[in-house]
PDB file of N, CA and C in Angstrom:
ATOM      1  N   MET A   1    -138.300 192.996  30.603  1.00  0.00           N
ATOM      2  CA  MET A   1    -138.658 192.334  29.353  1.00  0.00           C
ATOM      3  C   MET A   1    -140.171 192.194  29.209  1.00  0.00           C
ATOM      4  N   ASN A   2    -140.890 191.949  30.295  1.00  0.00           N
ATOM      5  CA  ASN A   2    -142.344 191.815  30.223  1.00  0.00           C
ATOM      6  C   ASN A   2    -143.017 193.116  29.807  1.00  0.00           C
ATOM      7  N   THR A   3    -142.418 194.244  30.203  1.00  0.00           N
ATOM      8  CA  THR A   3    -142.963 195.537  29.811  1.00  0.00           C
ATOM      9  C   THR A   3    -142.863 195.717  28.294  1.00  0.00           C
ATOM     10  N   GLN A   4    -141.731 195.327  27.747  1.00  0.00           N
ATOM     11  CA  GLN A   4    -141.540 195.449  26.300  1.00  0.00           C
ATOM     12  C   GLN A   4    -142.531 194.560  25.553  1.00  0.00           C
ATOM     13  N   ARG A   5    -142.758 193.357  26.045  1.00  0.00           N
ATOM     14  CA  ARG A   5    -143.736 192.451  25.412  1.00  0.00           C
ATOM     15  C   ARG A   5    -145.138 193.053  25.463  1.00  0.00           C
ATOM     16  N   ALA A   6    -145.462 193.669  26.588  1.00  0.00           N
ATOM     17  CA  ALA A   6    -146.781 194.298  26.732  1.00  0.00           C
ATOM     18  C   ALA A   6    -146.944 195.459  25.756  1.00  0.00           C
ATOM     19  N   ILE A   7    -145.892 196.226  25.563  1.00  0.00           N
ATOM     20  CA  ILE A   7    -145.942 197.343  24.615  1.00  0.00           C
ATOM     21  C   ILE A   7    -146.142 196.819  23.199  1.00  0.00           C
ATOM     22  N   ILE A   8    -145.413 195.769  22.837  1.00  0.00           N
ATOM     23  CA  ILE A   8    -145.548 195.183  21.502  1.00  0.00           C
ATOM     24  C   ILE A   8    -146.953 194.640  21.307  1.00  0.00           C
ATOM     25  N   LYS A   9    -147.480 193.945  22.322  1.00  0.00           N
ATOM     26  CA  LYS A   9    -148.848 193.418  22.223  1.00  0.00           C
ATOM     27  C   LYS A   9    -149.861 194.548  22.089  1.00  0.00           C
ATOM     28  N   GLY A  10    -149.591 195.668  22.751  1.00  0.00           N
ATOM     29  CA  GLY A  10    -150.464 196.841  22.625  1.00  0.00           C
ATOM     30  C   GLY A  10    -150.458 197.397  21.215  1.00  0.00           C
ATOM     31  N   HIS A  11    -149.281 197.452  20.616  1.00  0.00           N
ATOM     32  CA  HIS A  11    -149.184 197.935  19.229  1.00  0.00           C
ATOM     33  C   HIS A  11    -149.943 196.997  18.280  1.00  0.00           C
ATOM     34  N   ILE A  12    -149.797 195.701  18.507  1.00  0.00           N
ATOM     35  CA  ILE A  12    -150.518 194.725  17.675  1.00  0.00           C
ATOM     36  C   ILE A  12    -152.021 194.903  17.843  1.00  0.00           C
ATOM     37  N   ALA A  13    -152.445 195.073  19.085  1.00  0.00           N
ATOM     38  CA  ALA A  13    -153.875 195.266  19.353  1.00  0.00           C
ATOM     39  C   ALA A  13    -154.405 196.534  18.694  1.00  0.00           C
ATOM     40  N   ASP A  14    -153.563 197.553  18.568  1.00  0.00           N
ATOM     41  CA  ASP A  14    -153.980 198.789  17.894  1.00  0.00           C
ATOM     42  C   ASP A  14    -154.085 198.602  16.384  1.00  0.00           C
ATOM     43  N   LEU A  15    -153.218 197.757  15.821  1.00  0.00           N
ATOM     44  CA  LEU A  15    -153.179 197.577  14.367  1.00  0.00           C
ATOM     45  C   LEU A  15    -154.243 196.614  13.847  1.00  0.00           C
ATOM     46  N   LYS A  16    -154.656 195.654  14.650  1.00  0.00           N
ATOM     47  CA  LYS A  16    -155.615 194.652  14.158  1.00  0.00           C
ATOM     48  C   LYS A  16    -156.964 195.246  13.771  1.00  0.00           C
ATOM     49  N   PRO A  17    -157.549 196.164  14.547  1.00  0.00           N
ATOM     50  CA  PRO A  17    -158.806 196.780  14.089  1.00  0.00           C
ATOM     51  C   PRO A  17    -158.640 197.563  12.786  1.00  0.00           C
ATOM     52  N   LYS A  18    -157.477 198.202  12.618  1.00  0.00           N
ATOM     53  CA  LYS A  18    -157.214 198.931  11.380  1.00  0.00           C
ATOM     54  C   LYS A  18    -157.193 197.961  10.206  1.00  0.00           C
ATOM     55  N   LYS A  19    -156.577 196.806  10.403  1.00  0.00           N
ATOM     56  CA  LYS A  19    -156.522 195.782   9.358  1.00  0.00           C
ATOM     57  C   LYS A  19    -157.940 195.338   8.979  1.00  0.00           C
ATOM     58  N   ILE A  20    -158.773 195.115   9.964  1.00  0.00           N
ATOM     59  CA  ILE A  20    -160.156 194.683   9.716  1.00  0.00           C
ATOM     60  C   ILE A  20    -160.939 195.781   8.996  1.00  0.00           C
ATOM     61  N   GLU A  21    -160.743 197.028   9.422  1.00  0.00           N
ATOM     62  CA  GLU A  21    -161.447 198.145   8.783  1.00  0.00           C
ATOM     63  C   GLU A  21    -161.030 198.289   7.321  1.00  0.00           C
ATOM     64  N   LEU A  22    -159.736 198.185   7.062  1.00  0.00           N
ATOM     65  CA  LEU A  22    -159.247 198.293   5.687  1.00  0.00           C
ATOM     66  C   LEU A  22    -159.806 197.170   4.815  1.00  0.00           C
ATOM     67  N   ALA A  23    -159.844 195.955   5.359  1.00  0.00           N
ATOM     68  CA  ALA A  23    -160.389 194.826   4.602  1.00  0.00           C
ATOM     69  C   ALA A  23    -161.859 195.077   4.256  1.00  0.00           C
ATOM     70  N   GLY A  24    -162.602 195.644   5.184  1.00  0.00           N
ATOM     71  CA  GLY A  24    -164.014 195.958   4.927  1.00  0.00           C
ATOM     72  C   GLY A  24    -164.187 197.029   3.866  1.00  0.00           C
ATOM     73  N   ARG A  25    -163.336 198.043   3.914  1.00  0.00           N
ATOM     74  CA  ARG A  25    -163.411 199.116   2.916  1.00  0.00           C
ATOM     75  C   ARG A  25    -163.027 198.612   1.532  1.00  0.00           C
ATOM     76  N   ILE A  26    -162.028 197.725   1.484  1.00  0.00           N
ATOM     77  CA  ILE A  26    -161.640 197.133   0.200  1.00  0.00           C
ATOM     78  C   ILE A  26    -162.799 196.318  -0.357  1.00  0.00           C
ATOM     79  N   ALA A  27    -163.411 195.501   0.491  1.00  0.00           N
ATOM     80  CA  ALA A  27    -164.529 194.660   0.058  1.00  0.00           C
ATOM     81  C   ALA A  27    -165.694 195.511  -0.456  1.00  0.00           C
ATOM     82  N   ALA A  28    -165.976 196.618   0.216  1.00  0.00           N
ATOM     83  CA  ALA A  28    -167.074 197.497  -0.216  1.00  0.00           C
ATOM     84  C   ALA A  28    -166.784 198.099  -1.588  1.00  0.00           C
ATOM     85  N   ASN A  29    -165.547 198.521  -1.805  1.00  0.00           N
ATOM     86  CA  ASN A  29    -165.177 199.067  -3.113  1.00  0.00           C
ATOM     87  C   ASN A  29    -165.271 198.005  -4.196  1.00  0.00           C
ATOM     88  N   LEU A  30    -164.831 196.813  -3.891  1.00  0.00           N
ATOM     89  CA  LEU A  30    -164.907 195.737  -4.888  1.00  0.00           C
ATOM     90  C   LEU A  30    -166.353 195.346  -5.188  1.00  0.00           C
ATOM     91  N   ARG A  31    -167.221 195.387  -4.168  1.00  0.00           N
ATOM     92  CA  ARG A  31    -168.651 195.116  -4.408  1.00  0.00           C
ATOM     93  C   ARG A  31    -169.241 196.160  -5.350  1.00  0.00           C
ATOM     94  N   ALA A  32    -168.849 197.418  -5.172  1.00  0.00           N
ATOM     95  CA  ALA A  32    -169.352 198.486  -6.053  1.00  0.00           C
ATOM     96  C   ALA A  32    -168.917 198.236  -7.490  1.00  0.00           C
ATOM     97  N   VAL A  33    -167.675 197.830  -7.683  1.00  0.00           N
ATOM     98  CA  VAL A  33    -167.191 197.524  -9.031  1.00  0.00           C
ATOM     99  C   VAL A  33    -167.950 196.322  -9.590  1.00  0.00           C
ATOM    100  N   LYS A  34    -168.124 195.303  -8.762  1.00  0.00           N
ATOM    101  CA  LYS A  34    -168.835 194.094  -9.195  1.00  0.00           C
ATOM    102  C   LYS A  34    -170.273 194.428  -9.606  1.00  0.00           C
ATOM    103  N   ASN A  35    -170.925 195.292  -8.853  1.00  0.00           N
ATOM    104  CA  ASN A  35    -172.301 195.676  -9.192  1.00  0.00           C
ATOM    105  C   ASN A  35    -172.358 196.413 -10.529  1.00  0.00           C
ATOM    106  N   THR A  36    -171.388 197.252 -10.788  1.00  0.00           N
ATOM    107  CA  THR A  36    -171.336 197.948 -12.071  1.00  0.00           C
ATOM    108  C   THR A  36    -171.132 196.958 -13.207  1.00  0.00           C
ATOM    109  N   LEU A  37    -170.232 196.014 -13.006  1.00  0.00           N
ATOM    110  CA  LEU A  37    -169.985 195.010 -14.042  1.00  0.00           C
ATOM    111  C   LEU A  37    -171.212 194.128 -14.262  1.00  0.00           C
ATOM    112  N   ALA A  38    -171.897 193.785 -13.177  1.00  0.00           N
ATOM    113  CA  ALA A  38    -173.103 192.969 -13.318  1.00  0.00           C
ATOM    114  C   ALA A  38    -174.190 193.739 -14.073  1.00  0.00           C
ATOM    115  N   ALA A  39    -174.274 195.031 -13.823  1.00  0.00           N
ATOM    116  CA  ALA A  39    -175.269 195.850 -14.513  1.00  0.00           C
ATOM    117  C   ALA A  39    -174.963 195.970 -15.997  1.00  0.00           C
ATOM    118  N   SER A  40    -173.724 195.730 -16.363  1.00  0.00           N
ATOM    119  CA  SER A  40    -173.345 195.901 -17.767  1.00  0.00           C
ATOM    120  C   SER A  40    -174.043 194.901 -18.680  1.00  0.00           C
ATOM    121  N   THR A  41    -174.572 193.820 -18.134  1.00  0.00           N
ATOM    122  CA  THR A  41    -175.273 192.843 -18.967  1.00  0.00           C
ATOM    123  C   THR A  41    -176.671 193.307 -19.344  1.00  0.00           C
ATOM    124  N   VAL A  42    -177.225 194.253 -18.568  1.00  0.00           N
ATOM    125  CA  VAL A  42    -178.590 194.715 -18.845  1.00  0.00           C
ATOM    126  C   VAL A  42    -178.689 196.217 -19.062  1.00  0.00           C
ATOM    127  N   THR A  43    -177.576 196.911 -18.975  1.00  0.00           N
ATOM    128  CA  THR A  43    -177.565 198.368 -19.107  1.00  0.00           C
ATOM    129  C   THR A  43    -176.760 198.750 -20.339  1.00  0.00           C
ATOM    130  N   SER A  44    -177.226 199.769 -21.018  1.00  0.00           N
ATOM    131  CA  SER A  44    -176.483 200.214 -22.199  1.00  0.00           C
ATOM    132  C   SER A  44    -175.156 200.846 -21.776  1.00  0.00           C
ATOM    133  N   ILE A  45    -174.226 200.823 -22.682  1.00  0.00           N
ATOM    134  CA  ILE A  45    -172.900 201.368 -22.412  1.00  0.00           C
ATOM    135  C   ILE A  45    -172.989 202.846 -22.011  1.00  0.00           C
ATOM    136  N   GLU A  46    -173.882 203.559 -22.651  1.00  0.00           N
ATOM    137  CA  GLU A  46    -174.024 204.984 -22.361  1.00  0.00           C
ATOM    138  C   GLU A  46    -174.417 205.243 -20.910  1.00  0.00           C
ATOM    139  N   GLN A  47    -175.136 204.314 -20.305  1.00  0.00           N
ATOM    140  CA  GLN A  47    -175.629 204.513 -18.944  1.00  0.00           C
ATOM    141  C   GLN A  47    -174.720 203.918 -17.870  1.00  0.00           C
ATOM    142  N   LEU A  48    -173.716 203.164 -18.262  1.00  0.00           N
ATOM    143  CA  LEU A  48    -172.817 202.556 -17.281  1.00  0.00           C
ATOM    144  C   LEU A  48    -171.915 203.602 -16.635  1.00  0.00           C
ATOM    145  N   ASP A  49    -171.732 203.496 -15.350  1.00  0.00           N
ATOM    146  CA  ASP A  49    -170.849 204.408 -14.621  1.00  0.00           C
ATOM    147  C   ASP A  49    -169.449 203.785 -14.545  1.00  0.00           C
ATOM    148  N   ILE A  50    -168.810 203.700 -15.693  1.00  0.00           N
ATOM    149  CA  ILE A  50    -167.485 203.093 -15.771  1.00  0.00           C
ATOM    150  C   ILE A  50    -166.470 203.938 -15.000  1.00  0.00           C
ATOM    151  N   GLU A  51    -166.619 205.247 -15.068  1.00  0.00           N
ATOM    152  CA  GLU A  51    -165.704 206.124 -14.339  1.00  0.00           C
ATOM    153  C   GLU A  51    -165.815 205.894 -12.836  1.00  0.00           C
ATOM    154  N   GLY A  52    -167.052 205.735 -12.355  1.00  0.00           N
ATOM    155  CA  GLY A  52    -167.267 205.465 -10.928  1.00  0.00           C
ATOM    156  C   GLY A  52    -166.648 204.143 -10.513  1.00  0.00           C
ATOM    157  N   ALA A  53    -166.787 203.135 -11.372  1.00  0.00           N
ATOM    158  CA  ALA A  53    -166.182 201.838 -11.082  1.00  0.00           C
ATOM    159  C   ALA A  53    -164.664 201.964 -11.037  1.00  0.00           C
ATOM    160  N   ALA A  54    -164.107 202.773 -11.926  1.00  0.00           N
ATOM    161  CA  ALA A  54    -162.656 202.978 -11.941  1.00  0.00           C
ATOM    162  C   ALA A  54    -162.189 203.662 -10.661  1.00  0.00           C
ATOM    163  N   VAL A  55    -162.972 204.606 -10.167  1.00  0.00           N
ATOM    164  CA  VAL A  55    -162.634 205.285  -8.910  1.00  0.00           C
ATOM    165  C   VAL A  55    -162.637 204.276  -7.761  1.00  0.00           C
ATOM    166  N   HIS A  56    -163.653 203.431  -7.718  1.00  0.00           N
ATOM    167  CA  HIS A  56    -163.732 202.406  -6.663  1.00  0.00           C
ATOM    168  C   HIS A  56    -162.552 201.439  -6.750  1.00  0.00           C
ATOM    169  N   LEU A  57    -162.202 201.048  -7.948  1.00  0.00           N
ATOM    170  CA  LEU A  57    -161.089 200.118  -8.123  1.00  0.00           C
ATOM    171  C   LEU A  57    -159.766 200.768  -7.730  1.00  0.00           C
ATOM    172  N   SER A  58    -159.596 202.030  -8.068  1.00  0.00           N
ATOM    173  CA  SER A  58    -158.384 202.757  -7.690  1.00  0.00           C
ATOM    174  C   SER A  58    -158.279 202.889  -6.175  1.00  0.00           C
ATOM    175  N   GLU A  59    -159.398 203.193  -5.536  1.00  0.00           N
ATOM    176  CA  GLU A  59    -159.405 203.311  -4.076  1.00  0.00           C
ATOM    177  C   GLU A  59    -159.092 201.959  -3.439  1.00  0.00           C
ATOM    178  N   ALA A  60    -159.657 200.892  -3.987  1.00  0.00           N
ATOM    179  CA  ALA A  60    -159.373 199.550  -3.458  1.00  0.00           C
ATOM    180  C   ALA A  60    -157.888 199.240  -3.573  1.00  0.00           C
ATOM    181  N   ALA A  61    -157.260 199.647  -4.665  1.00  0.00           N
ATOM    182  CA  ALA A  61    -155.829 199.395  -4.857  1.00  0.00           C
ATOM    183  C   ALA A  61    -154.992 200.152  -3.830  1.00  0.00           C
ATOM    184  N   SER A  62    -155.333 201.403  -3.569  1.00  0.00           N
ATOM    185  CA  SER A  62    -154.555 202.158  -2.587  1.00  0.00           C
ATOM    186  C   SER A  62    -154.801 201.638  -1.177  1.00  0.00           C
ATOM    187  N   LEU A  63    -156.025 201.220  -0.900  1.00  0.00           N
ATOM    188  CA  LEU A  63    -156.320 200.626   0.407  1.00  0.00           C
ATOM    189  C   LEU A  63    -155.583 199.300   0.578  1.00  0.00           C
ATOM    190  N   LYS A  64    -155.437 198.555  -0.515  1.00  0.00           N
ATOM    191  CA  LYS A  64    -154.707 197.287  -0.438  1.00  0.00           C
ATOM    192  C   LYS A  64    -153.261 197.535  -0.042  1.00  0.00           C
ATOM    193  N   ALA A  65    -152.658 198.577  -0.592  1.00  0.00           N
ATOM    194  CA  ALA A  65    -151.275 198.909  -0.232  1.00  0.00           C
ATOM    195  C   ALA A  65    -151.181 199.208   1.264  1.00  0.00           C
ATOM    196  N   GLU A  66    -152.136 199.969   1.779  1.00  0.00           N
ATOM    197  CA  GLU A  66    -152.156 200.282   3.210  1.00  0.00           C
ATOM    198  C   GLU A  66    -152.419 199.020   4.035  1.00  0.00           C
ATOM    199  N   TYR A  67    -153.303 198.159   3.546  1.00  0.00           N
ATOM    200  CA  TYR A  67    -153.611 196.896   4.216  1.00  0.00           C
ATOM    201  C   TYR A  67    -152.360 196.021   4.305  1.00  0.00           C
ATOM    202  N   LEU A  68    -151.645 195.895   3.186  1.00  0.00           N
ATOM    203  CA  LEU A  68    -150.434 195.070   3.180  1.00  0.00           C
ATOM    204  C   LEU A  68    -149.363 195.645   4.098  1.00  0.00           C
ATOM    205  N   GLU A  69    -149.267 196.958   4.149  1.00  0.00           N
ATOM    206  CA  GLU A  69    -148.311 197.602   5.057  1.00  0.00           C
ATOM    207  C   GLU A  69    -148.678 197.302   6.512  1.00  0.00           C
ATOM    208  N   THR A  70    -149.954 197.375   6.822  1.00  0.00           N
ATOM    209  CA  THR A  70    -150.420 197.079   8.183  1.00  0.00           C
ATOM    210  C   THR A  70    -150.153 195.627   8.530  1.00  0.00           C
ATOM    211  N   CYS A  71    -150.422 194.727   7.596  1.00  0.00           N
ATOM    212  CA  CYS A  71    -150.151 193.300   7.826  1.00  0.00           C
ATOM    213  C   CYS A  71    -148.661 193.066   8.073  1.00  0.00           C
ATOM    214  N   GLY A  72    -147.823 193.765   7.340  1.00  0.00           N
ATOM    215  CA  GLY A  72    -146.383 193.649   7.514  1.00  0.00           C
ATOM    216  C   GLY A  72    -145.937 194.127   8.888  1.00  0.00           C
ATOM    217  N   LYS A  73    -146.531 195.227   9.350  1.00  0.00           N
ATOM    218  CA  LYS A  73    -146.201 195.737  10.679  1.00  0.00           C
ATOM    219  C   LYS A  73    -146.614 194.734  11.757  1.00  0.00           C
ATOM    220  N   ILE A  74    -147.801 194.163  11.592  1.00  0.00           N
ATOM    221  CA  ILE A  74    -148.277 193.172  12.559  1.00  0.00           C
ATOM    222  C   ILE A  74    -147.344 191.972  12.577  1.00  0.00           C
ATOM    223  N   ALA A  75    -146.980 191.483  11.407  1.00  0.00           N
ATOM    224  CA  ALA A  75    -146.092 190.315  11.324  1.00  0.00           C
ATOM    225  C   ALA A  75    -144.734 190.609  11.962  1.00  0.00           C
ATOM    226  N   ALA A  76    -144.205 191.811  11.720  1.00  0.00           N
ATOM    227  CA  ALA A  76    -142.908 192.167  12.303  1.00  0.00           C
ATOM    228  C   ALA A  76    -142.993 192.229  13.827  1.00  0.00           C
ATOM    229  N   LEU A  77    -144.062 192.806  14.328  1.00  0.00           N
ATOM    230  CA  LEU A  77    -144.233 192.886  15.785  1.00  0.00           C
ATOM    231  C   LEU A  77    -144.423 191.490  16.376  1.00  0.00           C
ATOM    232  N   GLU A  78    -145.205 190.654  15.703  1.00  0.00           N
ATOM    233  CA  GLU A  78    -145.417 189.292  16.197  1.00  0.00           C
ATOM    234  C   GLU A  78    -144.121 188.498  16.215  1.00  0.00           C
ATOM    235  N   SER A  79    -143.262 188.743  15.233  1.00  0.00           N
ATOM    236  CA  SER A  79    -141.983 188.018  15.203  1.00  0.00           C
ATOM    237  C   SER A  79    -141.085 188.470  16.356  1.00  0.00           C
ATOM    238  N   GLU A  80    -141.249 189.709  16.820  1.00  0.00           N
ATOM    239  CA  GLU A  80    -140.488 190.180  17.973  1.00  0.00           C
ATOM    240  C   GLU A  80    -140.909 189.465  19.252  1.00  0.00           C
ATOM    241  N   LEU A  81    -142.132 188.984  19.275  1.00  0.00           N
ATOM    242  CA  LEU A  81    -142.627 188.293  20.469  1.00  0.00           C
ATOM    243  C   LEU A  81    -142.097 186.862  20.565  1.00  0.00           C
ATOM    244  N   GLU A  82    -141.632 186.327  19.455  1.00  0.00           N
ATOM    245  CA  GLU A  82    -141.174 184.937  19.457  1.00  0.00           C
ATOM    246  C   GLU A  82    -139.809 184.792  20.076  1.00  0.00           C
TER     247      GLU A  82
END
């Protein structure tokens, strides 16, 4: 039984850095969108990179799905340890 617990803890340890990396990538994409929106107060519509902001927002959404999946895997593994 201790071997199985060690394997589960190993899987959790492998997933936690991925969770942190995904959270950082999501935050970076959201900062890019926020910067575009902030620039909209002083930049003409013609010069705004709305398409670029949309790409960042789309990437953040897909990363969020992966983040939530990773969180779910971690939670399931942690519940096995209880």
